[in-house]
PDB file of N, CA and C in Angstrom:
ATOM      1  N   UNK A   1      -4.318 -21.322  32.822  1.00  0.00           N
ATOM      2  CA  UNK A   1      -4.248 -19.843  32.172  1.00  0.00           C
ATOM      3  C   UNK A   1      -5.433 -19.065  33.059  1.00  0.00           C
ATOM      4  N   UNK A   2      -4.946 -17.780  33.121  1.00  0.00           N
ATOM      5  CA  UNK A   2      -5.793 -17.182  34.646  1.00  0.00           C
ATOM      6  C   UNK A   2      -7.009 -16.631  32.805  1.00  0.00           C
ATOM      7  N   UNK A   3      -7.749 -15.876  33.482  1.00  0.00           N
ATOM      8  CA  UNK A   3      -8.305 -15.042  32.724  1.00  0.00           C
ATOM      9  C   UNK A   3      -7.901 -13.601  31.939  1.00  0.00           C
ATOM     10  N   UNK A   4      -7.218 -13.224  33.119  1.00  0.00           N
ATOM     11  CA  UNK A   4      -6.450 -11.784  32.732  1.00  0.00           C
ATOM     12  C   UNK A   4      -5.081 -12.320  31.163  1.00  0.00           C
ATOM     13  N   UNK A   5      -4.511 -13.257  31.884  1.00  0.00           N
ATOM     14  CA  UNK A   5      -3.338 -13.825  31.015  1.00  0.00           C
ATOM     15  C   UNK A   5      -4.305 -13.821  29.125  1.00  0.00           C
ATOM     16  N   UNK A   6      -5.101 -14.989  29.779  1.00  0.00           N
ATOM     17  CA  UNK A   6      -5.488 -15.309  27.919  1.00  0.00           C
ATOM     18  C   UNK A   6      -5.962 -13.546  27.013  1.00  0.00           C
ATOM     19  N   UNK A   7      -6.782 -13.024  27.618  1.00  0.00           N
ATOM     20  CA  UNK A   7      -7.363 -11.987  27.180  1.00  0.00           C
ATOM     21  C   UNK A   7      -6.122 -11.045  26.843  1.00  0.00           C
ATOM     22  N   UNK A   8      -4.485 -10.923  27.759  1.00  0.00           N
ATOM     23  CA  UNK A   8      -3.498 -10.200  27.210  1.00  0.00           C
ATOM     24  C   UNK A   8      -2.808 -10.708  25.839  1.00  0.00           C
ATOM     25  N   UNK A   9      -2.956 -11.838  25.811  1.00  0.00           N
ATOM     26  CA  UNK A   9      -2.110 -12.804  24.970  1.00  0.00           C
ATOM     27  C   UNK A   9      -3.199 -12.763  23.566  1.00  0.00           C
ATOM     28  N   UNK A  10      -4.833 -12.996  23.598  1.00  0.00           N
ATOM     29  CA  UNK A  10      -5.695 -12.931  22.719  1.00  0.00           C
ATOM     30  C   UNK A  10      -5.537 -11.481  22.062  1.00  0.00           C
ATOM     31  N   UNK A  11      -5.490 -10.284  22.763  1.00  0.00           N
ATOM     32  CA  UNK A  11      -5.130  -9.096  22.228  1.00  0.00           C
ATOM     33  C   UNK A  11      -4.129  -8.673  21.875  1.00  0.00           C
ATOM     34  N   UNK A  12      -2.635  -9.094  22.003  1.00  0.00           N
ATOM     35  CA  UNK A  12      -1.409  -8.773  21.269  1.00  0.00           C
ATOM     36  C   UNK A  12      -1.289  -9.678  20.117  1.00  0.00           C
ATOM     37  N   UNK A  13      -1.949 -10.956  20.185  1.00  0.00           N
ATOM     38  CA  UNK A  13      -2.348 -11.896  19.210  1.00  0.00           C
ATOM     39  C   UNK A  13      -3.779 -11.013  17.659  1.00  0.00           C
ATOM     40  N   UNK A  14      -4.123 -10.228  18.204  1.00  0.00           N
ATOM     41  CA  UNK A  14      -5.188  -9.593  17.799  1.00  0.00           C
ATOM     42  C   UNK A  14      -4.598  -8.241  17.259  1.00  0.00           C
ATOM     43  N   UNK A  15      -3.538  -7.565  17.675  1.00  0.00           N
ATOM     44  CA  UNK A  15      -3.187  -6.401  17.400  1.00  0.00           C
ATOM     45  C   UNK A  15      -1.630  -7.043  16.167  1.00  0.00           C
ATOM     46  N   UNK A  16      -1.535  -7.853  16.437  1.00  0.00           N
ATOM     47  CA  UNK A  16      -0.450  -8.690  15.176  1.00  0.00           C
ATOM     48  C   UNK A  16      -0.772  -9.272  14.304  1.00  0.00           C
ATOM     49  N   UNK A  17      -1.594  -9.428  14.297  1.00  0.00           N
ATOM     50  CA  UNK A  17      -2.424 -10.333  13.194  1.00  0.00           C
ATOM     51  C   UNK A  17      -2.801  -9.248  11.549  1.00  0.00           C
ATOM     52  N   UNK A  18      -3.091  -7.423  11.846  1.00  0.00           N
ATOM     53  CA  UNK A  18      -2.528  -6.780  10.347  1.00  0.00           C
ATOM     54  C   UNK A  18      -1.474  -6.800   9.564  1.00  0.00           C
ATOM     55  N   UNK A  19      -0.415  -6.923  10.362  1.00  0.00           N
ATOM     56  CA  UNK A  19       1.066  -7.075   9.753  1.00  0.00           C
ATOM     57  C   UNK A  19       1.275  -8.288   9.436  1.00  0.00           C
ATOM     58  N   UNK A  20       0.613  -9.318   9.165  1.00  0.00           N
ATOM     59  CA  UNK A  20       0.459 -10.076   8.706  1.00  0.00           C
ATOM     60  C   UNK A  20      -0.624 -10.654   7.358  1.00  0.00           C
ATOM     61  N   UNK A  21      -1.444  -9.887   7.719  1.00  0.00           N
ATOM     62  CA  UNK A  21      -2.606  -9.462   6.159  1.00  0.00           C
ATOM     63  C   UNK A  21      -1.961  -9.532   4.870  1.00  0.00           C
ATOM     64  N   UNK A  22      -2.370 -10.222   3.769  1.00  0.00           N
ATOM     65  CA  UNK A  22      -2.018 -10.337   2.988  1.00  0.00           C
ATOM     66  C   UNK A  22      -2.734  -9.187   1.986  1.00  0.00           C
ATOM     67  N   UNK A  23      -2.152  -8.421   1.048  1.00  0.00           N
ATOM     68  CA  UNK A  23      -2.865  -7.033   0.342  1.00  0.00           C
ATOM     69  C   UNK A  23      -3.467  -8.561  -0.692  1.00  0.00           C
ATOM     70  N   UNK A  24      -4.882  -7.516  -0.884  1.00  0.00           N
ATOM     71  CA  UNK A  24      -5.616  -8.198  -2.072  1.00  0.00           C
ATOM     72  C   UNK A  24      -4.496  -8.434  -3.163  1.00  0.00           C
ATOM     73  N   UNK A  25      -4.842  -9.087  -3.949  1.00  0.00           N
ATOM     74  CA  UNK A  25      -4.601  -9.838  -4.941  1.00  0.00           C
ATOM     75  C   UNK A  25      -3.208 -10.655  -4.682  1.00  0.00           C
ATOM     76  N   UNK A  26      -2.544 -10.896  -3.178  1.00  0.00           N
ATOM     77  CA  UNK A  26      -1.379 -11.103  -3.291  1.00  0.00           C
ATOM     78  C   UNK A  26      -1.947 -12.892  -3.341  1.00  0.00           C
ATOM     79  N   UNK A  27      -2.976 -13.602  -2.293  1.00  0.00           N
ATOM     80  CA  UNK A  27      -3.177 -14.613  -2.830  1.00  0.00           C
ATOM     81  C   UNK A  27      -3.109 -15.586  -4.286  1.00  0.00           C
ATOM     82  N   UNK A  28      -3.884 -14.596  -5.242  1.00  0.00           N
ATOM     83  CA  UNK A  28      -4.132 -14.615  -6.500  1.00  0.00           C
ATOM     84  C   UNK A  28      -2.752 -14.926  -6.708  1.00  0.00           C
ATOM     85  N   UNK A  29      -1.914 -13.869  -6.734  1.00  0.00           N
ATOM     86  CA  UNK A  29      -0.772 -14.072  -7.351  1.00  0.00           C
ATOM     87  C   UNK A  29       0.030 -14.824  -7.304  1.00  0.00           C
ATOM     88  N   UNK A  30       0.317 -15.444  -5.564  1.00  0.00           N
ATOM     89  CA  UNK A  30       0.798 -16.439  -5.295  1.00  0.00           C
ATOM     90  C   UNK A  30       0.647 -18.045  -5.563  1.00  0.00           C
ATOM     91  N   UNK A  31      -0.743 -17.930  -6.165  1.00  0.00           N
ATOM     92  CA  UNK A  31      -1.246 -19.431  -6.902  1.00  0.00           C
ATOM     93  C   UNK A  31      -1.316 -19.005  -8.006  1.00  0.00           C
ATOM     94  N   UNK A  32      -1.091 -18.134  -8.672  1.00  0.00           N
ATOM     95  CA  UNK A  32      -1.467 -17.945 -10.231  1.00  0.00           C
ATOM     96  C   UNK A  32      -0.280 -17.829 -11.186  1.00  0.00           C
ATOM     97  N   UNK A  33       0.693 -16.573 -10.320  1.00  0.00           N
ATOM     98  CA  UNK A  33       1.817 -15.768 -11.815  1.00  0.00           C
ATOM     99  C   UNK A  33       3.274 -16.427 -10.765  1.00  0.00           C
ATOM    100  N   UNK A  34       3.106 -16.602  -9.283  1.00  0.00           N
ATOM    101  CA  UNK A  34       4.707 -16.985  -8.898  1.00  0.00           C
ATOM    102  C   UNK A  34       5.299 -17.911  -9.363  1.00  0.00           C
ATOM    103  N   UNK A  35       4.441 -18.946 -10.171  1.00  0.00           N
ATOM    104  CA  UNK A  35       5.290 -20.026  -9.947  1.00  0.00           C
ATOM    105  C   UNK A  35       6.440 -19.668 -10.927  1.00  0.00           C
ATOM    106  N   UNK A  36       5.849 -18.780 -11.903  1.00  0.00           N
ATOM    107  CA  UNK A  36       7.151 -18.210 -13.336  1.00  0.00           C
ATOM    108  C   UNK A  36       7.136 -17.163 -12.461  1.00  0.00           C
ATOM    109  N   UNK A  37       6.574 -15.898 -12.497  1.00  0.00           N
ATOM    110  CA  UNK A  37       7.034 -14.838 -11.855  1.00  0.00           C
ATOM    111  C   UNK A  37       7.928 -14.746 -10.860  1.00  0.00           C
ATOM    112  N   UNK A  38       7.661 -15.090  -9.931  1.00  0.00           N
ATOM    113  CA  UNK A  38       8.544 -15.355  -8.762  1.00  0.00           C
ATOM    114  C   UNK A  38       7.587 -14.356  -7.816  1.00  0.00           C
ATOM    115  N   UNK A  39       8.245 -14.831  -6.479  1.00  0.00           N
ATOM    116  CA  UNK A  39       7.318 -14.218  -5.424  1.00  0.00           C
ATOM    117  C   UNK A  39       7.446 -12.879  -5.188  1.00  0.00           C
ATOM    118  N   UNK A  40       9.029 -12.552  -5.857  1.00  0.00           N
ATOM    119  CA  UNK A  40       8.850 -11.584  -5.484  1.00  0.00           C
ATOM    120  C   UNK A  40       8.793 -10.375  -7.050  1.00  0.00           C
ATOM    121  N   UNK A  41       8.317 -10.907  -8.065  1.00  0.00           N
ATOM    122  CA  UNK A  41       8.342 -10.400  -9.560  1.00  0.00           C
ATOM    123  C   UNK A  41       9.573 -10.212 -10.434  1.00  0.00           C
ATOM    124  N   UNK A  42      10.225 -10.969  -9.801  1.00  0.00           N
ATOM    125  CA  UNK A  42      11.883 -10.493 -10.603  1.00  0.00           C
ATOM    126  C   UNK A  42      11.930 -11.701 -12.129  1.00  0.00           C
ATOM    127  N   UNK A  43      11.123 -12.651 -12.090  1.00  0.00           N
ATOM    128  CA  UNK A  43      11.000 -13.986 -13.027  1.00  0.00           C
ATOM    129  C   UNK A  43      11.934 -14.944 -12.821  1.00  0.00           C
ATOM    130  N   UNK A  44      12.670 -14.457 -11.508  1.00  0.00           N
ATOM    131  CA  UNK A  44      13.749 -15.569 -11.147  1.00  0.00           C
ATOM    132  C   UNK A  44      13.535 -16.729 -10.709  1.00  0.00           C
ATOM    133  N   UNK A  45      12.802 -17.934 -11.522  1.00  0.00           N
ATOM    134  CA  UNK A  45      12.500 -18.901 -11.348  1.00  0.00           C
ATOM    135  C   UNK A  45      12.914 -19.611 -12.925  1.00  0.00           C
ATOM    136  N   UNK A  46      12.694 -20.967 -12.463  1.00  0.00           N
ATOM    137  CA  UNK A  46      13.168 -22.199 -13.416  1.00  0.00           C
ATOM    138  C   UNK A  46      12.304 -21.733 -14.546  1.00  0.00           C
ATOM    139  N   UNK A  47      11.257 -21.329 -14.898  1.00  0.00           N
ATOM    140  CA  UNK A  47       9.975 -21.040 -15.529  1.00  0.00           C
ATOM    141  C   UNK A  47      10.355 -19.940 -16.130  1.00  0.00           C
ATOM    142  N   UNK A  48      10.409 -19.198 -15.349  1.00  0.00           N
ATOM    143  CA  UNK A  48      10.802 -17.361 -15.954  1.00  0.00           C
ATOM    144  C   UNK A  48      12.249 -17.322 -16.029  1.00  0.00           C
ATOM    145  N   UNK A  49      13.599 -17.608 -15.805  1.00  0.00           N
ATOM    146  CA  UNK A  49      14.114 -17.896 -16.848  1.00  0.00           C
ATOM    147  C   UNK A  49      14.135 -18.151 -18.018  1.00  0.00           C
ATOM    148  N   UNK A  50      12.941 -19.409 -18.495  1.00  0.00           N
ATOM    149  CA  UNK A  50      13.113 -20.554 -19.670  1.00  0.00           C
ATOM    150  C   UNK A  50      12.627 -19.334 -20.016  1.00  0.00           C
ATOM    151  N   UNK A  51      11.442 -18.740 -19.929  1.00  0.00           N
ATOM    152  CA  UNK A  51      10.861 -17.893 -21.128  1.00  0.00           C
ATOM    153  C   UNK A  51      11.105 -16.628 -20.950  1.00  0.00           C
ATOM    154  N   UNK A  52      12.246 -16.238 -20.358  1.00  0.00           N
ATOM    155  CA  UNK A  52      13.265 -14.852 -20.342  1.00  0.00           C
ATOM    156  C   UNK A  52      12.214 -13.597 -19.868  1.00  0.00           C
ATOM    157  N   UNK A  53      11.185 -13.832 -19.035  1.00  0.00           N
ATOM    158  CA  UNK A  53      10.673 -13.124 -18.233  1.00  0.00           C
ATOM    159  C   UNK A  53      11.269 -11.798 -18.260  1.00  0.00           C
ATOM    160  N   UNK A  54      10.591 -10.595 -17.943  1.00  0.00           N
ATOM    161  CA  UNK A  54      11.215  -9.297 -17.768  1.00  0.00           C
ATOM    162  C   UNK A  54      10.832  -9.264 -16.487  1.00  0.00           C
ATOM    163  N   UNK A  55      11.566  -8.855 -15.542  1.00  0.00           N
ATOM    164  CA  UNK A  55      11.713  -8.572 -13.794  1.00  0.00           C
ATOM    165  C   UNK A  55      10.129  -7.448 -13.776  1.00  0.00           C
ATOM    166  N   UNK A  56       9.139  -7.504 -12.931  1.00  0.00           N
ATOM    167  CA  UNK A  56       8.264  -6.255 -12.893  1.00  0.00           C
ATOM    168  C   UNK A  56       8.924  -5.410 -12.964  1.00  0.00           C
ATOM    169  N   UNK A  57      10.124  -5.072 -12.258  1.00  0.00           N
ATOM    170  CA  UNK A  57      10.824  -3.875 -11.501  1.00  0.00           C
ATOM    171  C   UNK A  57      11.506  -3.569 -12.407  1.00  0.00           C
ATOM    172  N   UNK A  58      11.349  -4.047 -13.609  1.00  0.00           N
ATOM    173  CA  UNK A  58      12.663  -3.275 -14.748  1.00  0.00           C
ATOM    174  C   UNK A  58      11.268  -1.834 -14.982  1.00  0.00           C
ATOM    175  N   UNK A  59      12.560  -1.333 -15.771  1.00  0.00           N
ATOM    176  CA  UNK A  59      12.207   0.264 -16.044  1.00  0.00           C
ATOM    177  C   UNK A  59      10.994   0.154 -16.956  1.00  0.00           C
ATOM    178  N   UNK A  60      11.055  -0.844 -17.885  1.00  0.00           N
ATOM    179  CA  UNK A  60       9.995  -0.739 -18.781  1.00  0.00           C
ATOM    180  C   UNK A  60       8.425  -1.281 -18.049  1.00  0.00           C
ATOM    181  N   UNK A  61       8.483  -2.625 -17.375  1.00  0.00           N
ATOM    182  CA  UNK A  61       7.444  -2.804 -16.911  1.00  0.00           C
ATOM    183  C   UNK A  61       6.687  -1.949 -15.986  1.00  0.00           C
ATOM    184  N   UNK A  62       7.395  -1.551 -15.224  1.00  0.00           N
ATOM    185  CA  UNK A  62       6.967  -0.186 -14.455  1.00  0.00           C
ATOM    186  C   UNK A  62       6.405   1.099 -15.120  1.00  0.00           C
ATOM    187  N   UNK A  63       7.096   1.556 -16.628  1.00  0.00           N
ATOM    188  CA  UNK A  63       5.846   2.002 -17.281  1.00  0.00           C
ATOM    189  C   UNK A  63       4.643   2.050 -17.621  1.00  0.00           C
ATOM    190  N   UNK A  64       4.684   0.447 -17.859  1.00  0.00           N
ATOM    191  CA  UNK A  64       3.415  -0.042 -18.316  1.00  0.00           C
ATOM    192  C   UNK A  64       2.147   0.402 -17.881  1.00  0.00           C
ATOM    193  N   UNK A  65       1.012   1.188 -18.219  1.00  0.00           N
ATOM    194  CA  UNK A  65      -0.033   1.530 -17.518  1.00  0.00           C
ATOM    195  C   UNK A  65      -0.557   0.444 -17.301  1.00  0.00           C
ATOM    196  N   UNK A  66      -1.795   0.362 -16.178  1.00  0.00           N
ATOM    197  CA  UNK A  66      -2.109  -0.586 -15.204  1.00  0.00           C
ATOM    198  C   UNK A  66      -3.240  -1.119 -16.353  1.00  0.00           C
ATOM    199  N   UNK A  67      -4.072  -0.218 -17.601  1.00  0.00           N
ATOM    200  CA  UNK A  67      -4.901  -0.854 -18.316  1.00  0.00           C
ATOM    201  C   UNK A  67      -4.235  -1.696 -19.005  1.00  0.00           C
ATOM    202  N   UNK A  68      -3.299  -1.998 -19.352  1.00  0.00           N
ATOM    203  CA  UNK A  68      -2.326  -2.431 -20.208  1.00  0.00           C
ATOM    204  C   UNK A  68      -2.109  -3.979 -19.463  1.00  0.00           C
ATOM    205  N   UNK A  69      -1.575  -3.605 -17.967  1.00  0.00           N
ATOM    206  CA  UNK A  69      -1.033  -4.964 -17.509  1.00  0.00           C
ATOM    207  C   UNK A  69      -2.552  -5.835 -16.952  1.00  0.00           C
ATOM    208  N   UNK A  70      -4.207  -4.774 -17.030  1.00  0.00           N
ATOM    209  CA  UNK A  70      -5.348  -5.764 -16.770  1.00  0.00           C
ATOM    210  C   UNK A  70      -5.503  -6.380 -17.801  1.00  0.00           C
ATOM    211  N   UNK A  71      -5.252  -6.016 -19.172  1.00  0.00           N
ATOM    212  CA  UNK A  71      -5.269  -6.199 -20.585  1.00  0.00           C
ATOM    213  C   UNK A  71      -4.818  -8.074 -20.910  1.00  0.00           C
ATOM    214  N   UNK A  72      -3.042  -7.419 -20.671  1.00  0.00           N
ATOM    215  CA  UNK A  72      -2.606  -9.157 -20.738  1.00  0.00           C
ATOM    216  C   UNK A  72      -2.735  -9.821 -19.913  1.00  0.00           C
ATOM    217  N   UNK A  73      -3.101  -9.487 -18.855  1.00  0.00           N
ATOM    218  CA  UNK A  73      -3.583 -10.382 -17.560  1.00  0.00           C
ATOM    219  C   UNK A  73      -4.842 -11.079 -18.275  1.00  0.00           C
ATOM    220  N   UNK A  74      -5.713 -10.428 -18.825  1.00  0.00           N
ATOM    221  CA  UNK A  74      -6.948 -11.360 -19.313  1.00  0.00           C
ATOM    222  C   UNK A  74      -7.186 -11.791 -20.474  1.00  0.00           C
ATOM    223  N   UNK A  75      -6.444 -11.668 -21.412  1.00  0.00           N
ATOM    224  CA  UNK A  75      -5.739 -12.020 -22.633  1.00  0.00           C
ATOM    225  C   UNK A  75      -4.950 -13.220 -22.765  1.00  0.00           C
ATOM    226  N   UNK A  76      -4.016 -12.333 -22.195  1.00  0.00           N
ATOM    227  CA  UNK A  76      -2.620 -13.203 -22.584  1.00  0.00           C
ATOM    228  C   UNK A  76      -1.895 -12.275 -22.942  1.00  0.00           C
ATOM    229  N   UNK A  77      -0.848 -12.833 -23.173  1.00  0.00           N
ATOM    230  CA  UNK A  77       0.576 -12.042 -23.676  1.00  0.00           C
ATOM    231  C   UNK A  77       1.553 -13.204 -23.829  1.00  0.00           C
ATOM    232  N   UNK A  78       1.956 -13.209 -25.577  1.00  0.00           N
ATOM    233  CA  UNK A  78       3.071 -14.141 -25.487  1.00  0.00           C
ATOM    234  C   UNK A  78       2.975 -15.493 -25.616  1.00  0.00           C
ATOM    235  N   UNK A  79       3.756 -16.362 -24.531  1.00  0.00           N
ATOM    236  CA  UNK A  79       3.579 -17.506 -23.954  1.00  0.00           C
ATOM    237  C   UNK A  79       2.482 -17.537 -22.601  1.00  0.00           C
ATOM    238  N   UNK A  80       2.068 -16.751 -22.198  1.00  0.00           N
ATOM    239  CA  UNK A  80       0.946 -16.665 -21.022  1.00  0.00           C
ATOM    240  C   UNK A  80      -0.315 -16.322 -21.404  1.00  0.00           C
ATOM    241  N   UNK A  81      -1.033 -17.897 -21.122  1.00  0.00           N
ATOM    242  CA  UNK A  81      -2.325 -17.706 -21.255  1.00  0.00           C
ATOM    243  C   UNK A  81      -2.968 -16.827 -20.399  1.00  0.00           C
ATOM    244  N   UNK A  82      -4.575 -16.295 -20.773  1.00  0.00           N
ATOM    245  CA  UNK A  82      -4.895 -15.262 -20.107  1.00  0.00           C
ATOM    246  C   UNK A  82      -6.111 -15.454 -19.383  1.00  0.00           C
ATOM    247  N   UNK A  83      -6.411 -15.311 -18.244  1.00  0.00           N
ATOM    248  CA  UNK A  83      -7.345 -15.465 -17.274  1.00  0.00           C
ATOM    249  C   UNK A  83      -8.772 -15.149 -17.725  1.00  0.00           C
ATOM    250  N   UNK A  84      -9.543 -14.700 -18.777  1.00  0.00           N
ATOM    251  CA  UNK A  84     -10.547 -14.299 -18.390  1.00  0.00           C
ATOM    252  C   UNK A  84     -11.694 -16.103 -18.457  1.00  0.00           C
ATOM    253  N   UNK A  85     -12.189 -15.892 -17.667  1.00  0.00           N
ATOM    254  CA  UNK A  85     -13.145 -16.658 -17.635  1.00  0.00           C
ATOM    255  C   UNK A  85     -12.510 -17.240 -16.241  1.00  0.00           C
ATOM    256  N   UNK A  86     -11.484 -17.509 -15.721  1.00  0.00           N
ATOM    257  CA  UNK A  86     -10.623 -17.789 -14.418  1.00  0.00           C
ATOM    258  C   UNK A  86     -10.350 -17.280 -13.191  1.00  0.00           C
ATOM    259  N   UNK A  87     -10.572 -15.701 -13.848  1.00  0.00           N
ATOM    260  CA  UNK A  87     -10.361 -14.708 -12.800  1.00  0.00           C
ATOM    261  C   UNK A  87     -11.772 -13.751 -13.130  1.00  0.00           C
ATOM    262  N   UNK A  88     -12.057 -12.792 -12.026  1.00  0.00           N
ATOM    263  CA  UNK A  88     -12.862 -11.838 -12.049  1.00  0.00           C
ATOM    264  C   UNK A  88     -12.330 -10.458 -12.413  1.00  0.00           C
ATOM    265  N   UNK A  89     -12.774  -9.556 -13.020  1.00  0.00           N
ATOM    266  CA  UNK A  89     -12.372  -8.522 -13.202  1.00  0.00           C
ATOM    267  C   UNK A  89     -11.657  -7.347 -12.199  1.00  0.00           C
ATOM    268  N   UNK A  90     -12.473  -7.581 -10.916  1.00  0.00           N
ATOM    269  CA  UNK A  90     -11.871  -7.606  -9.910  1.00  0.00           C
ATOM    270  C   UNK A  90     -10.750  -8.146  -9.037  1.00  0.00           C
ATOM    271  N   UNK A  91     -10.531  -9.325  -9.741  1.00  0.00           N
ATOM    272  CA  UNK A  91      -9.022  -9.798  -8.998  1.00  0.00           C
ATOM    273  C   UNK A  91      -8.526  -9.907 -10.052  1.00  0.00           C
ATOM    274  N   UNK A  92      -8.591  -9.788 -11.507  1.00  0.00           N
ATOM    275  CA  UNK A  92      -7.568  -8.984 -11.813  1.00  0.00           C
ATOM    276  C   UNK A  92      -6.928  -7.349 -11.893  1.00  0.00           C
ATOM    277  N   UNK A  93      -8.059  -6.857 -11.358  1.00  0.00           N
ATOM    278  CA  UNK A  93      -7.007  -5.495 -10.956  1.00  0.00           C
ATOM    279  C   UNK A  93      -6.667  -5.466  -9.546  1.00  0.00           C
ATOM    280  N   UNK A  94      -6.542  -6.648  -8.871  1.00  0.00           N
ATOM    281  CA  UNK A  94      -6.045  -6.550  -7.641  1.00  0.00           C
ATOM    282  C   UNK A  94      -4.747  -7.316  -7.496  1.00  0.00           C
ATOM    283  N   UNK A  95      -4.414  -8.138  -9.147  1.00  0.00           N
ATOM    284  CA  UNK A  95      -3.483  -8.758  -9.271  1.00  0.00           C
ATOM    285  C   UNK A  95      -2.598  -7.443  -9.199  1.00  0.00           C
ATOM    286  N   UNK A  96      -2.744  -6.601 -10.365  1.00  0.00           N
ATOM    287  CA  UNK A  96      -2.220  -5.069 -10.951  1.00  0.00           C
ATOM    288  C   UNK A  96      -1.832  -4.320  -9.880  1.00  0.00           C
ATOM    289  N   UNK A  97      -3.068  -4.044  -8.850  1.00  0.00           N
ATOM    290  CA  UNK A  97      -2.549  -3.611  -7.798  1.00  0.00           C
ATOM    291  C   UNK A  97      -1.006  -4.634  -7.022  1.00  0.00           C
ATOM    292  N   UNK A  98      -1.358  -5.158  -6.943  1.00  0.00           N
ATOM    293  CA  UNK A  98      -0.473  -5.931  -6.565  1.00  0.00           C
ATOM    294  C   UNK A  98       1.189  -6.299  -6.828  1.00  0.00           C
ATOM    295  N   UNK A  99       1.032  -6.313  -8.082  1.00  0.00           N
ATOM    296  CA  UNK A  99       2.323  -6.361  -8.864  1.00  0.00           C
ATOM    297  C   UNK A  99       2.795  -4.765  -8.801  1.00  0.00           C
ATOM    298  N   UNK A 100       2.042  -3.972  -8.636  1.00  0.00           N
ATOM    299  CA  UNK A 100       2.607  -2.226  -8.416  1.00  0.00           C
ATOM    300  C   UNK A 100       3.269  -2.162  -7.017  1.00  0.00           C
ATOM    301  N   UNK A 101       2.533  -2.857  -5.851  1.00  0.00           N
ATOM    302  CA  UNK A 101       3.447  -2.764  -4.553  1.00  0.00           C
ATOM    303  C   UNK A 101       4.852  -3.630  -5.123  1.00  0.00           C
ATOM    304  N   UNK A 102       4.755  -4.291  -5.413  1.00  0.00           N
ATOM    305  CA  UNK A 102       6.044  -5.270  -5.558  1.00  0.00           C
ATOM    306  C   UNK A 102       6.960  -4.817  -6.348  1.00  0.00           C
ATOM    307  N   UNK A 103       6.131  -3.773  -6.996  1.00  0.00           N
ATOM    308  CA  UNK A 103       7.671  -2.153  -7.614  1.00  0.00           C
ATOM    309  C   UNK A 103       8.067  -1.743  -7.165  1.00  0.00           C
ATOM    310  N   UNK A 104       7.189  -1.824  -6.011  1.00  0.00           N
ATOM    311  CA  UNK A 104       8.218  -0.543  -4.904  1.00  0.00           C
ATOM    312  C   UNK A 104      10.334  -1.671  -4.495  1.00  0.00           C
TER     313      UNK A 104
END
């Protein structure tokens, strides 16, 4: 492959990478939350259905203040265990922001 073609291919790849970049909190959400809450936040998973989870897109969940989502994630709520000591406060804030992105 000639040098100009290599440069062009690398430049195009570099321009396309931001389109595939994850949002802050997405990797943590996928690793810790998606199993129950689903990749789209609707709770439409076997575990989510068994636990009767609300969709993050439900009007009730959309209205929950960020501080409450943070607290629920950190301390746990219902059958969900808390992530205090497992995730940093910054990671939890990123999760809350990612949940908000899923709600749109």
